[in-house]
C-alpha cells in the first residue's frame, strides 16, 4: 500500500495515477463519494481525475465497507486507487449519522477507524497495489464549524493509521513528491 498526502491541489492525484500506471493497465479507481451522491467536492475530484486517468480504468464510487469491496474487486487488478480519504471520512460521518446535538466523537471516530482497519486488512490480502490519496489536516484553516472540526480530528487519526500501515508514504509540496516512508 502507498499513501499520498499533502495540501489541496498540489499534485497528489497525478502522482497516485503514475504509481498505479506503473503496475499495469488493469486499474480500478475508487471515488469516495458521498452517501447521497450530491457532494460537489467529490464530484469535482472525479471530474478532474477523469482528465488525468486513462479512459480504460474502471471507476466506482464507494465510501462504506471498503474492505469487503477490495476483496471482491481487487483480485484481478494491477492497482487500485482510492481517492480521497477526506471525502470518505465525511461520507462515513454522515453514514454513522453525525449530529451536533447527539454527537459522540469517540463512537464516531471508533466507527470510522474500524472501517479503515478493515480496508487495510483487505488491502493486504489482495495482490493489487492499493494507492490511497488523502489531505493533510494541519494545512486547513481553523473554523467554528463543528462538522469540519470533527472531520479533521477523525481524518488526522485515519491518516496516522494509514501512514503506519503503508509501505510507502509520499508528501507533496507544490507538486514535488517527497518520500517520507
Protein backbone atom coordinates (compact mmCIF):
# COMPACT_ATOMS: atom_id res chain seq x y z
CA UNK A 1 0.00 0.00 0.00
CA UNK A 2 1.04 3.56 -0.72
CA UNK A 3 -0.27 6.74 0.90
CA UNK A 4 -0.09 10.04 -1.00
CA UNK A 5 -0.75 13.10 1.15
CA UNK A 6 -0.42 16.88 1.07
CA UNK A 7 -2.46 20.04 0.81
CA UNK A 8 -5.13 20.90 -1.74
CA UNK A 9 -4.24 21.00 -5.45
CA UNK A 10 -0.57 20.03 -5.05
CA UNK A 11 -0.50 17.06 -7.44
CA UNK A 12 -1.47 14.16 -5.19
CA UNK A 13 -3.74 12.59 -7.80
CA UNK A 14 -1.15 12.96 -10.55
CA UNK A 15 1.40 11.03 -8.50
CA UNK A 16 -1.16 8.39 -7.48
CA UNK A 17 -2.12 7.83 -11.13
CA UNK A 18 1.53 7.47 -12.10
CA UNK A 19 2.13 4.91 -9.35
CA UNK A 20 -0.89 2.90 -10.50
CA UNK A 21 0.09 3.05 -14.18
CA UNK A 22 3.49 1.61 -13.31
CA UNK A 23 1.75 -1.53 -12.02
CA UNK A 24 -0.09 -2.33 -15.26
CA UNK A 25 -3.21 -1.46 -17.24
CA UNK A 26 -5.87 -3.09 -15.03
CA UNK A 27 -6.60 -0.29 -12.57
CA UNK A 28 -9.71 0.38 -10.53
CA UNK A 29 -10.34 3.99 -9.48
CA UNK A 30 -12.50 4.24 -6.37
CA UNK A 31 -14.04 7.65 -5.76
CA UNK A 32 -15.02 8.05 -2.14
CA UNK A 33 -18.42 9.53 -2.96
CA UNK A 34 -20.87 11.00 -0.52
CA UNK A 35 -23.72 8.81 0.78
CA UNK A 36 -26.27 10.73 -1.26
CA UNK A 37 -24.08 11.27 -4.33
CA UNK A 38 -24.58 15.04 -4.45
CA UNK A 39 -21.42 16.25 -2.75
CA UNK A 40 -19.88 18.92 -5.00
CA UNK A 41 -16.40 18.24 -3.59
CA UNK A 42 -16.49 14.55 -4.54
CA UNK A 43 -17.96 15.34 -7.95
CA UNK A 44 -15.13 17.78 -8.61
CA UNK A 45 -12.49 15.21 -7.65
CA UNK A 46 -13.99 12.66 -10.06
CA UNK A 47 -14.28 15.27 -12.83
CA UNK A 48 -10.68 16.47 -12.51
CA UNK A 49 -9.33 12.93 -12.26
CA UNK A 50 -11.24 11.91 -15.41
CA UNK A 51 -8.98 14.28 -17.37
CA UNK A 52 -5.83 12.71 -15.90
CA UNK A 53 -6.53 8.99 -15.74
CA UNK A 54 -6.70 6.57 -18.66
CA UNK A 55 -10.19 6.06 -20.04
CA UNK A 56 -9.73 2.29 -19.73
CA UNK A 57 -9.75 2.41 -15.94
CA UNK A 58 -12.90 1.20 -14.25
CA UNK A 59 -14.43 3.80 -11.94
CA UNK A 60 -16.60 3.05 -8.92
CA UNK A 61 -17.98 5.23 -6.15
CA UNK A 62 -17.70 3.74 -2.71
CA UNK A 63 -17.27 5.01 0.84
CA UNK A 64 -18.60 2.25 3.12
CA UNK A 65 -17.49 -1.35 3.66
CA UNK A 66 -14.41 -0.85 1.52
CA UNK A 67 -12.69 -3.89 3.00
CA UNK A 68 -15.24 -6.27 1.55
CA UNK A 69 -15.28 -4.27 -1.70
CA UNK A 70 -11.49 -4.66 -2.11
CA UNK A 71 -11.70 -8.41 -1.59
CA UNK A 72 -14.48 -8.70 -4.17
CA UNK A 73 -12.92 -6.46 -6.82
CA UNK A 74 -9.18 -6.45 -6.19
CA UNK A 75 -8.12 -9.94 -7.21
CA UNK A 76 -7.89 -9.25 -10.94
CA UNK A 77 -6.39 -5.73 -10.71
CA UNK A 78 -2.86 -4.46 -11.08
CA UNK A 79 -3.64 -1.48 -8.86
CA UNK A 80 -6.48 0.24 -7.04
CA UNK A 81 -6.51 3.99 -6.49
CA UNK A 82 -8.76 5.18 -3.67
CA UNK A 83 -9.43 8.89 -3.56
CA UNK A 84 -9.98 10.87 -1.27
CA UNK A 85 -9.80 9.88 2.41
CA UNK A 86 -11.03 13.33 3.48
CA UNK A 87 -14.20 12.86 1.50
CA UNK A 88 -14.54 9.28 2.69
CA UNK A 89 -14.36 10.37 6.33
CA UNK A 90 -17.10 12.96 5.70
CA UNK A 91 -19.26 10.35 3.98
CA UNK A 92 -18.76 7.88 6.84
CA UNK A 93 -19.64 10.56 9.37
CA UNK A 94 -22.94 11.05 7.56
CA UNK A 95 -23.39 7.29 7.29
CA UNK A 96 -22.95 6.94 11.06
CA UNK A 97 -25.46 9.77 11.48
CA UNK A 98 -23.28 12.57 12.77
CA UNK A 99 -25.35 15.11 14.63
CA UNK A 100 -24.09 18.03 16.71
CA UNK A 101 -26.86 17.56 19.24
CA UNK A 102 -26.33 13.83 19.68
CA UNK A 103 -22.68 13.85 18.82
CA UNK A 104 -20.28 11.35 20.38
CA UNK A 105 -16.84 11.84 18.85
CA UNK A 106 -15.42 8.67 20.43
CA UNK A 107 -18.10 6.46 18.88
CA UNK A 108 -17.84 8.20 15.54
CA UNK A 109 -14.04 8.03 15.50
CA UNK A 110 -14.09 4.39 16.53
CA UNK A 111 -16.59 3.51 13.80
CA UNK A 112 -14.58 5.26 11.07
CA UNK A 113 -11.26 3.83 12.28
CA UNK A 114 -12.80 0.33 12.33
CA UNK A 115 -13.81 0.81 8.67
CA UNK A 116 -10.25 1.88 7.81
CA UNK A 117 -8.76 -1.10 9.68
CA UNK A 118 -10.97 -3.45 7.68
CA UNK A 119 -9.87 -1.74 4.46
CA UNK A 120 -6.18 -2.09 5.42
CA UNK A 121 -6.61 -5.77 6.31
CA UNK A 122 -8.29 -6.48 2.98
CA UNK A 123 -5.73 -4.45 1.01
CA UNK A 124 -3.01 -6.68 2.45
CA UNK A 125 -4.84 -9.79 1.28
CA UNK A 126 -5.04 -8.84 -2.40
CA UNK A 127 -2.16 -8.75 -4.86
CA UNK A 128 -3.05 -5.34 -6.35
CA UNK A 129 -1.14 -2.28 -5.23
CA UNK A 130 -3.54 -0.05 -3.29
CA UNK A 131 -2.78 3.67 -3.54
CA UNK A 132 -4.62 5.97 -1.13
CA UNK A 133 -4.92 9.74 -1.55
CA UNK A 134 -5.58 11.95 1.46
CA UNK A 135 -5.27 15.54 2.63
CA UNK A 136 -3.11 16.75 5.48
CA UNK A 137 -5.23 18.18 8.27
CA UNK A 138 -2.70 20.72 9.56
CA UNK A 139 -2.83 22.65 6.27
CA UNK A 140 -6.52 23.56 6.51
CA UNK A 141 -7.88 26.70 8.21
CA UNK A 142 -9.41 26.72 11.65
CA UNK A 143 -13.17 27.21 11.77
CA UNK A 144 -16.09 27.14 14.17
CA UNK A 145 -17.91 24.55 12.01
CA UNK A 146 -18.35 21.52 14.32
CA UNK A 147 -18.71 19.01 11.47
CA UNK A 148 -15.48 20.24 9.90
CA UNK A 149 -13.63 20.13 13.24
CA UNK A 150 -14.81 16.58 13.88
CA UNK A 151 -13.92 15.59 10.32
CA UNK A 152 -10.36 16.95 10.66
CA UNK A 153 -9.93 15.24 14.04
CA UNK A 154 -11.02 11.88 12.64
CA UNK A 155 -9.05 12.36 9.41
CA UNK A 156 -5.92 13.01 11.44
CA UNK A 157 -6.37 9.67 13.20
CA UNK A 158 -7.15 7.91 9.91
CA UNK A 159 -4.07 9.41 8.26
CA UNK A 160 -1.88 8.17 11.12
CA UNK A 161 -3.34 4.67 10.81
CA UNK A 162 -2.86 4.62 7.04
CA UNK A 163 0.69 6.01 7.18
CA UNK A 164 1.66 3.34 9.73
CA UNK A 165 0.07 0.62 7.57
CA UNK A 166 1.52 1.65 4.21
CA UNK A 167 4.87 0.54 2.87
CA UNK A 168 5.46 3.91 1.19
CA UNK A 169 4.23 7.39 2.10
CA UNK A 170 4.64 10.45 -0.12
CA UNK A 171 4.01 14.03 0.92
CA UNK A 172 3.59 16.57 -1.89
CA UNK A 173 4.60 20.21 -1.70
CA UNK A 174 3.96 22.44 -4.72
CA UNK A 175 3.82 19.41 -6.99
CA UNK A 176 7.05 17.90 -5.71
CA UNK A 177 6.73 14.49 -4.06
CA UNK A 178 8.86 13.80 -1.01
CA UNK A 179 9.05 10.18 0.09
CA UNK A 180 8.72 10.24 3.89
CA UNK A 181 8.49 6.47 4.37
